[in-house]
């Protein structure tokens, strides 16, 4: 899963969508990522460690969306 996420994020870099794709990947895989270490996740998918804050935000958003009845993949 991480390799596919890394590829998607890299591809999105070419058209200026790196951050958006990072957010999308974390949101759509939030259930599987709940126990992941944010810094380690960032290292594995090839983004700067500062993205760990965004990782935490997206997991929190995914929880809120589920609580509000929004279906995520």
N, C-alpha and C. Protein backbone atom coordinates (compact mmCIF):
# COMPACT_ATOMS: atom_id res chain seq x y z
N UNK A 1 0.83 -1.19 0.00
CA UNK A 1 0.00 0.00 0.00
C UNK A 1 0.88 1.26 0.00
N UNK A 2 1.93 1.27 0.82
CA UNK A 2 2.77 2.46 0.92
C UNK A 2 3.46 2.78 -0.41
N UNK A 3 3.88 1.74 -1.13
CA UNK A 3 4.55 1.96 -2.41
C UNK A 3 3.61 2.63 -3.41
N UNK A 4 2.36 2.19 -3.45
CA UNK A 4 1.39 2.80 -4.36
C UNK A 4 1.12 4.25 -3.95
N UNK A 5 1.08 4.50 -2.66
CA UNK A 5 0.87 5.87 -2.18
C UNK A 5 2.06 6.74 -2.56
N UNK A 6 3.25 6.20 -2.40
CA UNK A 6 4.47 6.93 -2.77
C UNK A 6 4.43 7.29 -4.24
N UNK A 7 4.07 6.34 -5.09
CA UNK A 7 4.01 6.58 -6.53
C UNK A 7 2.98 7.66 -6.87
N UNK A 8 1.83 7.60 -6.24
CA UNK A 8 0.78 8.59 -6.51
C UNK A 8 1.22 9.98 -6.09
N UNK A 9 1.87 10.09 -4.95
CA UNK A 9 2.33 11.39 -4.46
C UNK A 9 3.42 11.94 -5.37
N UNK A 10 4.34 11.08 -5.79
CA UNK A 10 5.40 11.53 -6.71
C UNK A 10 4.82 12.01 -8.04
N UNK A 11 3.88 11.26 -8.57
CA UNK A 11 3.26 11.64 -9.85
C UNK A 11 2.54 12.98 -9.72
N UNK A 12 1.91 13.21 -8.59
CA UNK A 12 1.18 14.46 -8.38
C UNK A 12 2.11 15.65 -8.23
N UNK A 13 3.35 15.41 -7.87
CA UNK A 13 4.32 16.49 -7.73
C UNK A 13 4.53 17.21 -9.06
N UNK A 14 4.49 16.45 -10.14
CA UNK A 14 4.74 17.02 -11.47
C UNK A 14 3.71 18.06 -11.88
N UNK A 15 2.48 17.95 -11.37
CA UNK A 15 1.45 18.93 -11.75
C UNK A 15 1.03 19.81 -10.58
N UNK A 16 1.89 19.91 -9.57
CA UNK A 16 1.63 20.82 -8.46
C UNK A 16 0.56 20.37 -7.49
N UNK A 17 0.30 19.08 -7.43
CA UNK A 17 -0.76 18.55 -6.58
C UNK A 17 -0.24 17.64 -5.46
N UNK A 18 1.01 17.80 -5.09
CA UNK A 18 1.62 16.91 -4.10
C UNK A 18 0.86 16.90 -2.78
N UNK A 19 0.58 18.08 -2.23
CA UNK A 19 -0.10 18.16 -0.94
C UNK A 19 -1.52 17.61 -1.05
N UNK A 20 -2.22 17.95 -2.12
CA UNK A 20 -3.58 17.45 -2.30
C UNK A 20 -3.59 15.93 -2.39
N UNK A 21 -2.64 15.36 -3.13
CA UNK A 21 -2.58 13.90 -3.26
C UNK A 21 -2.20 13.26 -1.93
N UNK A 22 -1.32 13.88 -1.18
CA UNK A 22 -0.97 13.37 0.14
C UNK A 22 -2.22 13.31 1.01
N UNK A 23 -2.98 14.40 1.03
CA UNK A 23 -4.22 14.43 1.81
C UNK A 23 -5.19 13.35 1.34
N UNK A 24 -5.36 13.24 0.05
CA UNK A 24 -6.27 12.23 -0.52
C UNK A 24 -5.85 10.83 -0.10
N UNK A 25 -4.58 10.54 -0.22
CA UNK A 25 -4.09 9.19 0.13
C UNK A 25 -4.35 8.88 1.60
N UNK A 26 -4.07 9.83 2.48
CA UNK A 26 -4.28 9.58 3.91
C UNK A 26 -5.77 9.44 4.21
N UNK A 27 -6.59 10.30 3.63
CA UNK A 27 -8.04 10.21 3.88
C UNK A 27 -8.62 8.89 3.39
N UNK A 28 -8.26 8.48 2.19
CA UNK A 28 -8.85 7.26 1.64
C UNK A 28 -8.33 5.99 2.30
N UNK A 29 -7.20 6.07 2.96
CA UNK A 29 -6.64 4.90 3.64
C UNK A 29 -6.61 5.08 5.16
N UNK A 30 -7.41 6.00 5.65
CA UNK A 30 -7.37 6.36 7.08
C UNK A 30 -7.58 5.16 8.00
N UNK A 31 -8.49 4.28 7.65
CA UNK A 31 -8.77 3.13 8.52
C UNK A 31 -7.52 2.27 8.70
N UNK A 32 -6.77 2.07 7.61
CA UNK A 32 -5.56 1.25 7.68
C UNK A 32 -4.39 1.98 8.33
N UNK A 33 -4.46 3.30 8.37
CA UNK A 33 -3.34 4.10 8.86
C UNK A 33 -3.48 4.53 10.32
N UNK A 34 -4.57 4.17 10.98
CA UNK A 34 -4.83 4.62 12.35
C UNK A 34 -3.67 4.33 13.29
N UNK A 35 -3.02 3.21 13.13
CA UNK A 35 -1.94 2.85 14.06
C UNK A 35 -0.55 3.19 13.52
N UNK A 36 -0.48 3.82 12.35
CA UNK A 36 0.82 4.16 11.76
C UNK A 36 1.46 5.33 12.50
N UNK A 37 2.76 5.28 12.61
CA UNK A 37 3.52 6.40 13.17
C UNK A 37 3.63 7.47 12.09
N UNK A 38 3.19 8.69 12.37
CA UNK A 38 3.20 9.74 11.34
C UNK A 38 4.57 10.01 10.72
N UNK A 39 5.61 10.09 11.53
CA UNK A 39 6.95 10.37 11.00
C UNK A 39 7.44 9.21 10.13
N UNK A 40 7.20 8.01 10.56
CA UNK A 40 7.61 6.83 9.79
C UNK A 40 6.83 6.75 8.48
N UNK A 41 5.53 7.04 8.53
CA UNK A 41 4.72 7.06 7.33
C UNK A 41 5.32 8.04 6.32
N UNK A 42 5.63 9.23 6.76
CA UNK A 42 6.19 10.25 5.87
C UNK A 42 7.50 9.78 5.26
N UNK A 43 8.33 9.17 6.05
CA UNK A 43 9.60 8.66 5.55
C UNK A 43 9.37 7.62 4.45
N UNK A 44 8.46 6.69 4.71
CA UNK A 44 8.22 5.59 3.78
C UNK A 44 7.60 6.07 2.47
N UNK A 45 6.70 7.05 2.53
CA UNK A 45 6.08 7.52 1.29
C UNK A 45 6.87 8.64 0.62
N UNK A 46 8.00 9.03 1.20
CA UNK A 46 8.91 9.95 0.55
C UNK A 46 8.56 11.42 0.63
N UNK A 47 7.94 11.83 1.74
CA UNK A 47 7.67 13.26 1.93
C UNK A 47 8.44 13.76 3.15
N UNK A 48 8.58 15.07 3.24
CA UNK A 48 9.30 15.68 4.36
C UNK A 48 8.60 15.34 5.67
N UNK A 49 9.39 15.22 6.73
CA UNK A 49 8.83 14.87 8.04
C UNK A 49 7.81 15.88 8.55
N UNK A 50 7.86 17.10 8.03
CA UNK A 50 6.87 18.11 8.45
C UNK A 50 5.45 17.73 8.00
N UNK A 51 5.34 16.83 7.04
CA UNK A 51 4.02 16.37 6.60
C UNK A 51 3.33 15.54 7.69
N UNK A 52 4.05 15.15 8.73
CA UNK A 52 3.44 14.37 9.81
C UNK A 52 2.27 15.12 10.44
N UNK A 53 2.38 16.44 10.51
CA UNK A 53 1.27 17.24 11.05
C UNK A 53 0.05 17.11 10.15
N UNK A 54 0.25 17.17 8.84
CA UNK A 54 -0.85 17.00 7.90
C UNK A 54 -1.44 15.60 8.01
N UNK A 55 -0.60 14.61 8.21
CA UNK A 55 -1.05 13.23 8.39
C UNK A 55 -2.03 13.15 9.57
N UNK A 56 -1.64 13.74 10.68
CA UNK A 56 -2.51 13.72 11.88
C UNK A 56 -3.82 14.46 11.61
N UNK A 57 -3.75 15.58 10.91
CA UNK A 57 -4.96 16.34 10.58
C UNK A 57 -5.91 15.52 9.72
N UNK A 58 -5.36 14.81 8.74
CA UNK A 58 -6.21 14.02 7.85
C UNK A 58 -6.85 12.84 8.58
N UNK A 59 -6.13 12.23 9.51
CA UNK A 59 -6.75 11.16 10.30
C UNK A 59 -7.87 11.71 11.17
N UNK A 60 -7.66 12.89 11.74
CA UNK A 60 -8.71 13.52 12.55
C UNK A 60 -9.91 13.89 11.67
N UNK A 61 -9.64 14.39 10.48
CA UNK A 61 -10.73 14.72 9.55
C UNK A 61 -11.50 13.48 9.14
N UNK A 62 -10.80 12.41 8.89
CA UNK A 62 -11.46 11.15 8.52
C UNK A 62 -12.38 10.67 9.64
N UNK A 63 -11.92 10.77 10.88
CA UNK A 63 -12.77 10.39 12.02
C UNK A 63 -14.02 11.26 12.07
N UNK A 64 -13.84 12.56 11.94
CA UNK A 64 -14.97 13.49 11.96
C UNK A 64 -15.94 13.20 10.82
N UNK A 65 -15.42 12.95 9.66
CA UNK A 65 -16.29 12.65 8.51
C UNK A 65 -17.10 11.39 8.76
N UNK A 66 -16.46 10.34 9.29
CA UNK A 66 -17.21 9.11 9.62
C UNK A 66 -18.29 9.39 10.66
N UNK A 67 -17.95 10.16 11.68
CA UNK A 67 -18.92 10.51 12.73
C UNK A 67 -20.10 11.28 12.15
N UNK A 68 -19.85 12.05 11.11
CA UNK A 68 -20.89 12.86 10.48
C UNK A 68 -21.64 12.10 9.38
N UNK A 69 -21.28 10.85 9.19
CA UNK A 69 -21.97 10.00 8.22
C UNK A 69 -21.42 10.05 6.81
N UNK A 70 -20.26 10.66 6.62
CA UNK A 70 -19.65 10.71 5.29
C UNK A 70 -18.88 9.41 5.09
N UNK A 71 -19.13 8.73 3.98
CA UNK A 71 -18.45 7.46 3.72
C UNK A 71 -17.11 7.71 3.06
N UNK A 72 -16.10 7.08 3.60
CA UNK A 72 -14.77 7.07 3.01
C UNK A 72 -14.48 5.67 2.50
N UNK A 73 -13.59 5.57 1.57
CA UNK A 73 -13.22 4.26 1.00
C UNK A 73 -12.68 3.35 2.07
